[in-house]
Amino acid sequence: MVIISIRQAKNNDCTKDGSSWFVDLAYKDLLGKRHRYHSKKFATRREAKGHEAEYKMKIKNQNEFTDLTFKDLIQEHYQY
């Protein structure tokens, strides 16, 4: 589950170069752990959407446990 928002910062919260768009993500990995991500600021909404797409691919690749054994999964569960 991924919750995504692309927002524009308020006028007084812009950077010196005028960048004001940022990506805010909240997601759960396959083990149920919650993660939050807040990006740096971008000049345009298009740049922020591009960064969002890259980060979603990164999350998807991390969530694929193709080399995870059952023993590793049990150890992860007990550490959690």
PDB file of N, CA and C in Angstrom:
ATOM      1  N   MET A   1       0.835  -1.168   0.000  1.00  0.00           N
ATOM      2  CA  MET A   1       0.000   0.000   0.000  1.00  0.00           C
ATOM      3  C   MET A   1       0.884   1.237   0.000  1.00  0.00           C
ATOM      4  N   VAL A   2       0.675   2.110  -0.964  1.00  0.00           N
ATOM      5  CA  VAL A   2       1.462   3.331  -1.083  1.00  0.00           C
ATOM      6  C   VAL A   2       0.518   4.519  -1.128  1.00  0.00           C
ATOM      7  N   ILE A   3       0.757   5.476  -0.254  1.00  0.00           N
ATOM      8  CA  ILE A   3      -0.010   6.715  -0.253  1.00  0.00           C
ATOM      9  C   ILE A   3       0.932   7.816  -0.707  1.00  0.00           C
ATOM     10  N   ILE A   4       0.554   8.514  -1.777  1.00  0.00           N
ATOM     11  CA  ILE A   4       1.434   9.492  -2.387  1.00  0.00           C
ATOM     12  C   ILE A   4       0.727  10.835  -2.463  1.00  0.00           C
ATOM     13  N   SER A   5       1.478  11.883  -2.194  1.00  0.00           N
ATOM     14  CA  SER A   5       0.948  13.213  -2.459  1.00  0.00           C
ATOM     15  C   SER A   5       2.081  14.077  -3.007  1.00  0.00           C
ATOM     16  N   ILE A   6       1.760  14.818  -4.034  1.00  0.00           N
ATOM     17  CA  ILE A   6       2.683  15.800  -4.595  1.00  0.00           C
ATOM     18  C   ILE A   6       2.082  17.146  -4.240  1.00  0.00           C
ATOM     19  N   ARG A   7       2.834  17.921  -3.476  1.00  0.00           N
ATOM     20  CA  ARG A   7       2.291  19.182  -2.980  1.00  0.00           C
ATOM     21  C   ARG A   7       3.228  20.334  -3.278  1.00  0.00           C
ATOM     22  N   GLN A   8       2.671  21.517  -3.229  1.00  0.00           N
ATOM     23  CA  GLN A   8       3.468  22.717  -3.394  1.00  0.00           C
ATOM     24  C   GLN A   8       3.567  23.398  -2.036  1.00  0.00           C
ATOM     25  N   ALA A   9       4.788  23.797  -1.689  1.00  0.00           N
ATOM     26  CA  ALA A   9       5.011  24.445  -0.411  1.00  0.00           C
ATOM     27  C   ALA A   9       4.403  25.846  -0.418  1.00  0.00           C
ATOM     28  N   LYS A  10       4.174  26.381   0.751  1.00  0.00           N
ATOM     29  CA  LYS A  10       3.655  27.739   0.864  1.00  0.00           C
ATOM     30  C   LYS A  10       4.719  28.729   0.411  1.00  0.00           C
ATOM     31  N   ASN A  11       4.306  29.940   0.152  1.00  0.00           N
ATOM     32  CA  ASN A  11       5.221  30.963  -0.377  1.00  0.00           C
ATOM     33  C   ASN A  11       6.445  31.184   0.500  1.00  0.00           C
ATOM     34  N   ASN A  12       6.282  31.188   1.796  1.00  0.00           N
ATOM     35  CA  ASN A  12       7.409  31.445   2.687  1.00  0.00           C
ATOM     36  C   ASN A  12       8.267  30.202   2.928  1.00  0.00           C
ATOM     37  N   ASP A  13       7.899  29.066   2.338  1.00  0.00           N
ATOM     38  CA  ASP A  13       8.639  27.824   2.541  1.00  0.00           C
ATOM     39  C   ASP A  13       9.385  27.379   1.282  1.00  0.00           C
ATOM     40  N   CYS A  14       9.539  28.269   0.306  1.00  0.00           N
ATOM     41  CA  CYS A  14      10.261  27.947  -0.927  1.00  0.00           C
ATOM     42  C   CYS A  14      11.760  28.063  -0.692  1.00  0.00           C
ATOM     43  N   THR A  15      12.530  27.397  -1.548  1.00  0.00           N
ATOM     44  CA  THR A  15      13.978  27.531  -1.468  1.00  0.00           C
ATOM     45  C   THR A  15      14.412  28.820  -2.149  1.00  0.00           C
ATOM     46  N   LYS A  16      15.705  29.141  -2.069  1.00  0.00           N
ATOM     47  CA  LYS A  16      16.202  30.387  -2.651  1.00  0.00           C
ATOM     48  C   LYS A  16      16.006  30.444  -4.158  1.00  0.00           C
ATOM     49  N   ASP A  17      16.083  29.292  -4.818  1.00  0.00           N
ATOM     50  CA  ASP A  17      15.915  29.282  -6.269  1.00  0.00           C
ATOM     51  C   ASP A  17      14.450  29.151  -6.695  1.00  0.00           C
ATOM     52  N   GLY A  18      13.519  29.147  -5.748  1.00  0.00           N
ATOM     53  CA  GLY A  18      12.103  29.119  -6.072  1.00  0.00           C
ATOM     54  C   GLY A  18      11.487  27.739  -6.150  1.00  0.00           C
ATOM     55  N   SER A  19      12.243  26.695  -5.827  1.00  0.00           N
ATOM     56  CA  SER A  19      11.702  25.335  -5.854  1.00  0.00           C
ATOM     57  C   SER A  19      10.682  25.176  -4.741  1.00  0.00           C
ATOM     58  N   SER A  20       9.507  24.676  -5.108  1.00  0.00           N
ATOM     59  CA  SER A  20       8.467  24.597  -4.092  1.00  0.00           C
ATOM     60  C   SER A  20       7.660  23.295  -4.140  1.00  0.00           C
ATOM     61  N   TRP A  21       7.881  22.422  -5.112  1.00  0.00           N
ATOM     62  CA  TRP A  21       7.125  21.169  -5.218  1.00  0.00           C
ATOM     63  C   TRP A  21       7.892  20.042  -4.541  1.00  0.00           C
ATOM     64  N   PHE A  22       7.181  19.194  -3.799  1.00  0.00           N
ATOM     65  CA  PHE A  22       7.834  18.053  -3.164  1.00  0.00           C
ATOM     66  C   PHE A  22       6.902  16.848  -3.138  1.00  0.00           C
ATOM     67  N   VAL A  23       7.501  15.675  -2.922  1.00  0.00           N
ATOM     68  CA  VAL A  23       6.772  14.406  -2.889  1.00  0.00           C
ATOM     69  C   VAL A  23       6.765  13.904  -1.451  1.00  0.00           C
ATOM     70  N   ASP A  24       5.613  13.474  -0.994  1.00  0.00           N
ATOM     71  CA  ASP A  24       5.463  12.909   0.345  1.00  0.00           C
ATOM     72  C   ASP A  24       4.850  11.523   0.186  1.00  0.00           C
ATOM     73  N   LEU A  25       5.549  10.492   0.677  1.00  0.00           N
ATOM     74  CA  LEU A  25       5.098   9.105   0.528  1.00  0.00           C
ATOM     75  C   LEU A  25       4.966   8.431   1.884  1.00  0.00           C
ATOM     76  N   ALA A  26       3.994   7.567   1.998  1.00  0.00           N
ATOM     77  CA  ALA A  26       3.861   6.674   3.146  1.00  0.00           C
ATOM     78  C   ALA A  26       3.522   5.301   2.576  1.00  0.00           C
ATOM     79  N   TYR A  27       4.269   4.282   3.016  1.00  0.00           N
ATOM     80  CA  TYR A  27       4.017   2.949   2.479  1.00  0.00           C
ATOM     81  C   TYR A  27       4.393   1.893   3.507  1.00  0.00           C
ATOM     82  N   LYS A  28       3.884   0.678   3.274  1.00  0.00           N
ATOM     83  CA  LYS A  28       4.219  -0.485   4.101  1.00  0.00           C
ATOM     84  C   LYS A  28       4.987  -1.469   3.239  1.00  0.00           C
ATOM     85  N   ASP A  29       6.021  -2.073   3.821  1.00  0.00           N
ATOM     86  CA  ASP A  29       6.738  -3.110   3.093  1.00  0.00           C
ATOM     87  C   ASP A  29       6.016  -4.443   3.278  1.00  0.00           C
ATOM     88  N   LEU A  30       6.573  -5.495   2.724  1.00  0.00           N
ATOM     89  CA  LEU A  30       5.893  -6.793   2.789  1.00  0.00           C
ATOM     90  C   LEU A  30       5.805  -7.364   4.198  1.00  0.00           C
ATOM     91  N   LEU A  31       6.668  -6.915   5.080  1.00  0.00           N
ATOM     92  CA  LEU A  31       6.635  -7.396   6.459  1.00  0.00           C
ATOM     93  C   LEU A  31       5.701  -6.561   7.332  1.00  0.00           C
ATOM     94  N   GLY A  32       5.061  -5.540   6.736  1.00  0.00           N
ATOM     95  CA  GLY A  32       4.107  -4.728   7.473  1.00  0.00           C
ATOM     96  C   GLY A  32       4.702  -3.519   8.151  1.00  0.00           C
ATOM     97  N   LYS A  33       5.973  -3.247   7.936  1.00  0.00           N
ATOM     98  CA  LYS A  33       6.627  -2.098   8.542  1.00  0.00           C
ATOM     99  C   LYS A  33       6.263  -0.831   7.786  1.00  0.00           C
ATOM    100  N   ARG A  34       5.915   0.228   8.519  1.00  0.00           N
ATOM    101  CA  ARG A  34       5.560   1.500   7.889  1.00  0.00           C
ATOM    102  C   ARG A  34       6.822   2.321   7.613  1.00  0.00           C
ATOM    103  N   HIS A  35       6.803   3.001   6.468  1.00  0.00           N
ATOM    104  CA  HIS A  35       7.910   3.877   6.087  1.00  0.00           C
ATOM    105  C   HIS A  35       7.332   5.189   5.571  1.00  0.00           C
ATOM    106  N   ARG A  36       8.056   6.275   5.809  1.00  0.00           N
ATOM    107  CA  ARG A  36       7.682   7.588   5.282  1.00  0.00           C
ATOM    108  C   ARG A  36       8.861   8.151   4.524  1.00  0.00           C
ATOM    109  N   TYR A  37       8.565   8.909   3.484  1.00  0.00           N
ATOM    110  CA  TYR A  37       9.599   9.543   2.678  1.00  0.00           C
ATOM    111  C   TYR A  37       9.141  10.942   2.305  1.00  0.00           C
ATOM    112  N   HIS A  38      10.006  11.907   2.495  1.00  0.00           N
ATOM    113  CA  HIS A  38       9.745  13.290   2.127  1.00  0.00           C
ATOM    114  C   HIS A  38      10.896  13.736   1.250  1.00  0.00           C
ATOM    115  N   SER A  39      10.609  14.110   0.016  1.00  0.00           N
ATOM    116  CA  SER A  39      11.670  14.426  -0.942  1.00  0.00           C
ATOM    117  C   SER A  39      12.188  15.849  -0.759  1.00  0.00           C
ATOM    118  N   LYS A  40      13.242  16.132  -1.500  1.00  0.00           N
ATOM    119  CA  LYS A  40      13.711  17.508  -1.590  1.00  0.00           C
ATOM    120  C   LYS A  40      12.711  18.277  -2.446  1.00  0.00           C
ATOM    121  N   LYS A  41      12.904  19.554  -2.573  1.00  0.00           N
ATOM    122  CA  LYS A  41      11.961  20.366  -3.345  1.00  0.00           C
ATOM    123  C   LYS A  41      12.392  20.459  -4.800  1.00  0.00           C
ATOM    124  N   PHE A  42      11.395  20.506  -5.677  1.00  0.00           N
ATOM    125  CA  PHE A  42      11.623  20.574  -7.119  1.00  0.00           C
ATOM    126  C   PHE A  42      11.025  21.867  -7.661  1.00  0.00           C
ATOM    127  N   ALA A  43      11.557  22.311  -8.795  1.00  0.00           N
ATOM    128  CA  ALA A  43      11.103  23.567  -9.391  1.00  0.00           C
ATOM    129  C   ALA A  43       9.726  23.439 -10.038  1.00  0.00           C
ATOM    130  N   THR A  44       9.438  22.277 -10.637  1.00  0.00           N
ATOM    131  CA  THR A  44       8.160  22.108 -11.323  1.00  0.00           C
ATOM    132  C   THR A  44       7.451  20.848 -10.827  1.00  0.00           C
ATOM    133  N   ARG A  45       6.154  20.832 -11.075  1.00  0.00           N
ATOM    134  CA  ARG A  45       5.356  19.653 -10.707  1.00  0.00           C
ATOM    135  C   ARG A  45       5.788  18.445 -11.537  1.00  0.00           C
ATOM    136  N   ARG A  46       6.150  18.677 -12.787  1.00  0.00           N
ATOM    137  CA  ARG A  46       6.591  17.592 -13.668  1.00  0.00           C
ATOM    138  C   ARG A  46       7.838  16.901 -13.104  1.00  0.00           C
ATOM    139  N   GLU A  47       8.801  17.674 -12.592  1.00  0.00           N
ATOM    140  CA  GLU A  47       9.993  17.072 -11.988  1.00  0.00           C
ATOM    141  C   GLU A  47       9.618  16.245 -10.764  1.00  0.00           C
ATOM    142  N   ALA A  48       8.681  16.750  -9.963  1.00  0.00           N
ATOM    143  CA  ALA A  48       8.238  16.024  -8.769  1.00  0.00           C
ATOM    144  C   ALA A  48       7.552  14.714  -9.161  1.00  0.00           C
ATOM    145  N   LYS A  49       6.743  14.729 -10.211  1.00  0.00           N
ATOM    146  CA  LYS A  49       6.074  13.502 -10.666  1.00  0.00           C
ATOM    147  C   LYS A  49       7.094  12.493 -11.191  1.00  0.00           C
ATOM    148  N   GLY A  50       8.147  12.975 -11.861  1.00  0.00           N
ATOM    149  CA  GLY A  50       9.209  12.086 -12.327  1.00  0.00           C
ATOM    150  C   GLY A  50       9.934  11.431 -11.164  1.00  0.00           C
ATOM    151  N   HIS A  51      10.214  12.209 -10.133  1.00  0.00           N
ATOM    152  CA  HIS A  51      10.875  11.663  -8.943  1.00  0.00           C
ATOM    153  C   HIS A  51       9.966  10.660  -8.242  1.00  0.00           C
ATOM    154  N   GLU A  52       8.677  10.946  -8.212  1.00  0.00           N
ATOM    155  CA  GLU A  52       7.710  10.026  -7.610  1.00  0.00           C
ATOM    156  C   GLU A  52       7.739   8.675  -8.325  1.00  0.00           C
ATOM    157  N   ALA A  53       7.762   8.707  -9.648  1.00  0.00           N
ATOM    158  CA  ALA A  53       7.781   7.463 -10.425  1.00  0.00           C
ATOM    159  C   ALA A  53       9.056   6.665 -10.146  1.00  0.00           C
ATOM    160  N   GLU A  54      10.197   7.354 -10.069  1.00  0.00           N
ATOM    161  CA  GLU A  54      11.469   6.675  -9.765  1.00  0.00           C
ATOM    162  C   GLU A  54      11.425   6.034  -8.389  1.00  0.00           C
ATOM    163  N   TYR A  55      10.896   6.763  -7.409  1.00  0.00           N
ATOM    164  CA  TYR A  55      10.870   6.240  -6.041  1.00  0.00           C
ATOM    165  C   TYR A  55       9.894   5.072  -5.914  1.00  0.00           C
ATOM    166  N   LYS A  56       8.766   5.125  -6.643  1.00  0.00           N
ATOM    167  CA  LYS A  56       7.825   4.004  -6.623  1.00  0.00           C
ATOM    168  C   LYS A  56       8.471   2.743  -7.188  1.00  0.00           C
ATOM    169  N   MET A  57       9.280   2.890  -8.226  1.00  0.00           N
ATOM    170  CA  MET A  57       9.996   1.732  -8.784  1.00  0.00           C
ATOM    171  C   MET A  57      11.004   1.192  -7.775  1.00  0.00           C
ATOM    172  N   LYS A  58      11.662   2.096  -7.058  1.00  0.00           N
ATOM    173  CA  LYS A  58      12.624   1.678  -6.035  1.00  0.00           C
ATOM    174  C   LYS A  58      11.916   0.881  -4.934  1.00  0.00           C
ATOM    175  N   ILE A  59      10.753   1.357  -4.510  1.00  0.00           N
ATOM    176  CA  ILE A  59       9.978   0.643  -3.485  1.00  0.00           C
ATOM    177  C   ILE A  59       9.555  -0.726  -4.004  1.00  0.00           C
ATOM    178  N   LYS A  60       9.085  -0.770  -5.228  1.00  0.00           N
ATOM    179  CA  LYS A  60       8.636  -2.032  -5.810  1.00  0.00           C
ATOM    180  C   LYS A  60       9.771  -3.038  -5.875  1.00  0.00           C
ATOM    181  N   ASN A  61      10.968  -2.579  -6.259  1.00  0.00           N
ATOM    182  CA  ASN A  61      12.124  -3.471  -6.335  1.00  0.00           C
ATOM    183  C   ASN A  61      12.560  -3.947  -4.953  1.00  0.00           C
ATOM    184  N   GLN A  62      12.425  -3.113  -3.937  1.00  0.00           N
ATOM    185  CA  GLN A  62      12.794  -3.520  -2.577  1.00  0.00           C
ATOM    186  C   GLN A  62      11.819  -4.538  -2.029  1.00  0.00           C
ATOM    187  N   ASN A  63      10.572  -4.460  -2.433  1.00  0.00           N
ATOM    188  CA  ASN A  63       9.541  -5.336  -1.888  1.00  0.00           C
ATOM    189  C   ASN A  63       9.507  -6.709  -2.540  1.00  0.00           C
ATOM    190  N   GLU A  64      10.345  -6.936  -3.518  1.00  0.00           N
ATOM    191  CA  GLU A  64      10.386  -8.246  -4.152  1.00  0.00           C
ATOM    192  C   GLU A  64      11.406  -9.117  -3.423  1.00  0.00           C
ATOM    193  N   PHE A  65      10.929 -10.095  -2.688  1.00  0.00           N
ATOM    194  CA  PHE A  65      11.788 -10.977  -1.916  1.00  0.00           C
ATOM    195  C   PHE A  65      12.023 -12.273  -2.698  1.00  0.00           C
ATOM    196  N   THR A  66      12.645 -12.190  -3.849  1.00  0.00           N
ATOM    197  CA  THR A  66      12.860 -13.388  -4.650  1.00  0.00           C
ATOM    198  C   THR A  66      13.927 -14.284  -4.045  1.00  0.00           C
ATOM    199  N   ASP A  67      14.897 -13.714  -3.331  1.00  0.00           N
ATOM    200  CA  ASP A  67      15.966 -14.523  -2.756  1.00  0.00           C
ATOM    201  C   ASP A  67      15.786 -14.754  -1.254  1.00  0.00           C
ATOM    202  N   LEU A  68      14.611 -14.437  -0.724  1.00  0.00           N
ATOM    203  CA  LEU A  68      14.339 -14.602   0.694  1.00  0.00           C
ATOM    204  C   LEU A  68      13.908 -16.038   0.974  1.00  0.00           C
ATOM    205  N   THR A  69      14.577 -16.673   1.919  1.00  0.00           N
ATOM    206  CA  THR A  69      14.211 -18.027   2.309  1.00  0.00           C
ATOM    207  C   THR A  69      13.206 -17.973   3.457  1.00  0.00           C
ATOM    208  N   PHE A  70      12.600 -19.098   3.728  1.00  0.00           N
ATOM    209  CA  PHE A  70      11.637 -19.168   4.820  1.00  0.00           C
ATOM    210  C   PHE A  70      12.327 -18.890   6.154  1.00  0.00           C
ATOM    211  N   LYS A  71      13.538 -19.367   6.308  1.00  0.00           N
ATOM    212  CA  LYS A  71      14.295 -19.134   7.538  1.00  0.00           C
ATOM    213  C   LYS A  71      14.544 -17.640   7.745  1.00  0.00           C
ATOM    214  N   ASP A  72      14.895 -16.930   6.665  1.00  0.00           N
ATOM    215  CA  ASP A  72      15.112 -15.486   6.757  1.00  0.00           C
ATOM    216  C   ASP A  72      13.829 -14.759   7.140  1.00  0.00           C
ATOM    217  N   LEU A  73      12.714 -15.208   6.581  1.00  0.00           N
ATOM    218  CA  LEU A  73      11.431 -14.595   6.888  1.00  0.00           C
ATOM    219  C   LEU A  73      11.074 -14.775   8.361  1.00  0.00           C
ATOM    220  N   ILE A  74      11.302 -15.954   8.894  1.00  0.00           N
ATOM    221  CA  ILE A  74      11.029 -16.222  10.313  1.00  0.00           C
ATOM    222  C   ILE A  74      11.921 -15.353  11.205  1.00  0.00           C
ATOM    223  N   GLN A  75      13.202 -15.221  10.845  1.00  0.00           N
ATOM    224  CA  GLN A  75      14.119 -14.373  11.624  1.00  0.00           C
ATOM    225  C   GLN A  75      13.675 -12.917  11.586  1.00  0.00           C
ATOM    226  N   GLU A  76      13.243 -12.444  10.443  1.00  0.00           N
ATOM    227  CA  GLU A  76      12.726 -11.077  10.330  1.00  0.00           C
ATOM    228  C   GLU A  76      11.507 -10.891  11.222  1.00  0.00           C
ATOM    229  N   HIS A  77      10.647 -11.900  11.248  1.00  0.00           N
ATOM    230  CA  HIS A  77       9.438 -11.818  12.054  1.00  0.00           C
ATOM    231  C   HIS A  77       9.769 -11.727  13.541  1.00  0.00           C
ATOM    232  N   TYR A  78      10.705 -12.531  14.002  1.00  0.00           N
ATOM    233  CA  TYR A  78      11.054 -12.508  15.426  1.00  0.00           C
ATOM    234  C   TYR A  78      11.815 -11.255  15.808  1.00  0.00           C
ATOM    235  N   GLN A  79      12.542 -10.649  14.876  1.00  0.00           N
ATOM    236  CA  GLN A  79      13.233  -9.390  15.176  1.00  0.00           C
ATOM    237  C   GLN A  79      12.255  -8.234  15.254  1.00  0.00           C
ATOM    238  N   TYR A  80      11.158  -8.346  14.534  1.00  0.00           N
ATOM    239  CA  TYR A  80      10.152  -7.288  14.518  1.00  0.00           C
ATOM    240  C   TYR A  80       9.382  -7.304  15.804  1.00  0.00           C
TER     241      TYR A  80
END
